Amino acid sequence: MNPALASPRLIQLFEKLVCLEDASSFANEKAALGCEHRPIEVHWWISRGHKGKPTIPDLDTFMSQWWSWWLTLQPEWRKCQVPTLTAHAVLPRTDDSNWDTLNKPGANSMLSIVATLKWWADSANGRGYKDSCWEDAADDVTWVLDRLTAICSMSKSKSSNGNKKRGHSDTQANISSSKRMCNRQ
């Protein structure tokens, strides 16, 4: 990705993705996000080892598939209707529920979501990120990335505290530095 060509919002998404991966200690679990309603372009990209950028022949179809996939991935408490040209998605936002359906670190998880937003932004002659539907999607993914990062950071902190109690050394300075970088955003 050439940052000079990316929207500030897209850069923010990639920075938040890095924060999430850092909070999960860059775990590369085999668990992946569900593929029900997933745009075919995601399968194309994963099957090629995350190399290249798929062609999106019909942006409207891609957007509809993206929203259907994103909503299918949500925990039950966040379910809503797929947005239309006249109605936006309104997903509940609360921090007190289970995130297991999305809390799956690794290459075939939130990286795929952020990559699809990049492809979407690049479509329409590089102006896809100016679309209000893209903004809604980017806003929700940003919010979810923040929630997942907080969950992983808490787990990492609890694990770190457990290691301290058992007398194990710990890289708390590195963790704190990483949290400061991610909290600035």
Protein backbone atom coordinates (compact mmCIF):
# COMPACT_ATOMS: atom_id res chain seq x y z
CA MET A 1 0.00 0.00 0.00
CA ASN A 2 1.30 3.39 -0.90
CA PRO A 3 0.32 5.62 2.06
CA ALA A 4 0.49 8.72 -0.14
CA LEU A 5 -2.46 7.34 -2.10
CA ALA A 6 -4.49 6.18 0.89
CA SER A 7 -7.09 8.12 2.79
CA PRO A 8 -6.22 9.06 6.38
CA ARG A 9 -9.08 6.81 7.50
CA LEU A 10 -7.58 3.84 5.67
CA ILE A 11 -4.17 4.49 7.22
CA GLN A 12 -5.88 4.61 10.63
CA LEU A 13 -7.49 1.21 9.95
CA PHE A 14 -4.12 -0.37 9.17
CA GLU A 15 -2.57 1.22 12.27
CA LYS A 16 -5.38 -0.15 14.44
CA LEU A 17 -4.93 -3.57 12.83
CA VAL A 18 -1.24 -3.50 13.81
CA CYS A 19 -2.25 -2.55 17.37
CA LEU A 20 -4.65 -5.50 17.49
CA GLU A 21 -2.01 -7.90 16.20
CA ASP A 22 0.49 -6.51 18.72
CA ALA A 23 -2.02 -6.91 21.55
CA SER A 24 -2.52 -10.54 20.50
CA SER A 25 1.28 -11.03 20.37
CA PHE A 26 1.09 -11.49 16.60
CA ALA A 27 -0.48 -14.90 17.10
CA ASN A 28 -1.14 -16.67 13.83
CA GLU A 29 -3.84 -19.08 14.81
CA LYS A 30 -5.41 -21.32 12.23
CA ALA A 31 -8.85 -20.04 13.18
CA ALA A 32 -10.33 -17.87 10.46
CA LEU A 33 -13.40 -15.74 10.10
CA GLY A 34 -16.51 -17.35 8.70
CA CYS A 35 -16.92 -17.45 4.95
CA GLU A 36 -20.71 -17.28 4.67
CA HIS A 37 -21.51 -14.38 2.31
CA ARG A 38 -17.79 -13.59 2.00
CA PRO A 39 -16.95 -11.79 -1.25
CA ILE A 40 -15.26 -14.14 -3.73
CA GLU A 41 -12.35 -11.70 -3.96
CA VAL A 42 -11.35 -12.64 -0.39
CA HIS A 43 -11.05 -16.32 -1.34
CA TRP A 44 -9.00 -15.32 -4.41
CA TRP A 45 -6.64 -13.27 -2.21
CA ILE A 46 -6.26 -15.89 0.55
CA SER A 47 -5.68 -18.70 -1.97
CA ARG A 48 -2.75 -16.69 -3.37
CA GLY A 49 -1.10 -16.23 -0.01
CA HIS A 50 -2.38 -12.66 0.45
CA LYS A 51 -0.52 -11.51 -2.66
CA GLY A 52 -1.93 -9.30 -5.33
CA LYS A 53 -5.13 -7.36 -5.42
CA PRO A 54 -8.29 -8.84 -6.87
CA THR A 55 -10.32 -7.12 -9.53
CA ILE A 56 -13.73 -5.97 -8.36
CA PRO A 57 -15.88 -6.11 -11.49
CA ASP A 58 -19.04 -4.73 -9.86
CA LEU A 59 -18.60 -2.40 -6.87
CA ASP A 60 -22.28 -2.47 -5.89
CA THR A 61 -22.26 -6.27 -5.72
CA PHE A 62 -19.00 -6.22 -3.75
CA MET A 63 -20.41 -3.69 -1.26
CA SER A 64 -23.55 -5.75 -0.75
CA GLN A 65 -21.53 -8.95 -0.27
CA TRP A 66 -19.12 -7.17 2.07
CA TRP A 67 -21.94 -5.95 4.32
CA SER A 68 -23.64 -9.35 4.28
CA TRP A 69 -20.35 -10.99 5.29
CA TRP A 70 -19.53 -8.38 7.95
CA LEU A 71 -22.98 -8.71 9.52
CA THR A 72 -22.78 -12.51 9.46
CA LEU A 73 -19.46 -12.33 11.37
CA GLN A 74 -20.92 -10.21 14.16
CA PRO A 75 -21.82 -11.63 17.56
CA GLU A 76 -25.54 -12.29 17.93
CA TRP A 77 -26.04 -9.14 19.99
CA ARG A 78 -24.81 -6.96 17.06
CA LYS A 79 -27.00 -8.36 14.30
CA CYS A 80 -28.89 -5.91 12.08
CA GLN A 81 -30.20 -5.58 8.55
CA VAL A 82 -27.86 -5.27 5.57
CA PRO A 83 -27.75 -1.60 4.52
CA THR A 84 -29.31 -0.48 1.28
CA LEU A 85 -28.79 2.57 -0.89
CA THR A 86 -31.29 4.44 1.28
CA ALA A 87 -30.74 2.86 4.71
CA HIS A 88 -27.47 2.63 6.61
CA ALA A 89 -26.44 -0.22 8.89
CA VAL A 90 -26.92 0.57 12.55
CA LEU A 91 -24.98 -1.93 14.61
CA PRO A 92 -25.27 -1.88 18.41
CA ARG A 93 -22.18 -0.64 20.22
CA THR A 94 -21.57 -1.94 23.71
CA ASP A 95 -18.55 -3.40 25.44
CA ASP A 96 -20.23 -5.87 27.73
CA SER A 97 -20.75 -8.84 25.45
CA ASN A 98 -18.89 -11.72 23.84
CA TRP A 99 -16.58 -11.11 20.86
CA ASP A 100 -15.59 -14.73 20.13
CA THR A 101 -16.84 -14.64 16.53
CA LEU A 102 -14.37 -11.89 15.62
CA ASN A 103 -11.59 -12.35 18.18
CA LYS A 104 -9.48 -14.67 16.03
CA PRO A 105 -5.91 -13.45 15.58
CA GLY A 106 -4.02 -14.30 12.45
CA ALA A 107 -3.62 -13.72 8.75
CA ASN A 108 -7.13 -14.82 7.74
CA SER A 109 -8.99 -12.70 10.25
CA MET A 110 -9.23 -8.93 10.62
CA LEU A 111 -6.46 -8.50 8.05
CA SER A 112 -8.93 -9.79 5.47
CA ILE A 113 -11.55 -7.29 6.61
CA VAL A 114 -9.15 -4.34 6.42
CA ALA A 115 -7.81 -5.53 3.06
CA THR A 116 -11.33 -5.61 1.63
CA LEU A 117 -11.84 -2.03 2.78
CA LYS A 118 -8.63 -1.09 0.96
CA TRP A 119 -9.88 -2.73 -2.24
CA TRP A 120 -13.22 -0.99 -1.84
CA ALA A 121 -11.48 2.37 -1.28
CA ASP A 122 -9.32 1.82 -4.37
CA SER A 123 -12.33 1.08 -6.54
CA ALA A 124 -14.29 3.78 -8.33
CA ASN A 125 -11.02 5.26 -9.60
CA GLY A 126 -9.56 5.45 -6.11
CA ARG A 127 -12.51 7.40 -4.75
CA GLY A 128 -14.34 4.53 -3.04
CA TYR A 129 -13.29 5.84 0.36
CA LYS A 130 -15.40 8.97 -0.22
CA ASP A 131 -18.58 6.90 -0.37
CA SER A 132 -20.77 7.18 2.76
CA CYS A 133 -21.33 3.42 2.75
CA TRP A 134 -17.54 2.90 2.86
CA GLU A 135 -17.29 5.46 5.68
CA ASP A 136 -19.93 3.53 7.65
CA ALA A 137 -18.03 0.30 7.11
CA ALA A 138 -14.67 1.84 8.04
CA ASP A 139 -16.20 3.44 11.13
CA ASP A 140 -17.66 0.16 12.35
CA VAL A 141 -14.49 -1.83 11.64
CA THR A 142 -12.46 0.82 13.48
CA TRP A 143 -14.75 0.51 16.49
CA VAL A 144 -14.52 -3.30 16.44
CA LEU A 145 -10.71 -3.19 16.12
CA ASP A 146 -10.60 -0.96 19.20
CA ARG A 147 -12.81 -3.37 21.18
CA LEU A 148 -10.78 -6.43 20.14
CA THR A 149 -7.51 -4.64 20.95
CA ALA A 150 -8.81 -3.78 24.43
CA ILE A 151 -9.80 -7.41 25.04
CA CYS A 152 -6.42 -8.74 23.86
CA SER A 153 -4.55 -6.09 25.87
CA MET A 154 -6.42 -7.08 29.03
CA SER A 155 -5.65 -10.75 28.41
CA LYS A 156 -2.00 -9.94 27.74
CA SER A 157 -1.84 -7.82 30.90
CA LYS A 158 -3.40 -10.58 33.02
CA SER A 159 -0.95 -13.08 31.55
CA SER A 160 1.95 -10.71 32.19
CA ASN A 161 0.87 -10.18 35.81
CA GLY A 162 0.63 -13.94 36.27
CA ASN A 163 4.18 -14.34 34.99
CA LYS A 164 5.42 -11.67 37.41
CA LYS A 165 3.82 -13.45 40.34
CA ARG A 166 5.54 -16.68 39.35
CA GLY A 167 8.90 -14.88 39.08
CA HIS A 168 9.17 -14.92 35.30
CA SER A 169 10.81 -11.98 33.56
CA ASP A 170 8.55 -9.78 31.52
CA THR A 171 8.90 -7.20 28.78
CA GLN A 172 6.55 -4.71 30.38
CA ALA A 173 8.47 -1.74 28.96
CA ASN A 174 7.86 -3.00 25.42
CA ILE A 175 4.19 -3.65 26.14
CA SER A 176 3.76 -0.19 27.66
CA SER A 177 5.49 1.42 24.70
CA SER A 178 3.25 -0.49 22.30
CA LYS A 179 0.11 0.49 24.24
CA ARG A 180 1.15 4.14 24.14
CA MET A 181 1.52 4.00 20.37
CA CYS A 182 -1.87 2.33 19.93
CA ASN A 183 -3.61 4.63 22.41
CA ARG A 184 -2.45 7.74 20.53
CA GLN A 185 -4.72 6.93 17.62
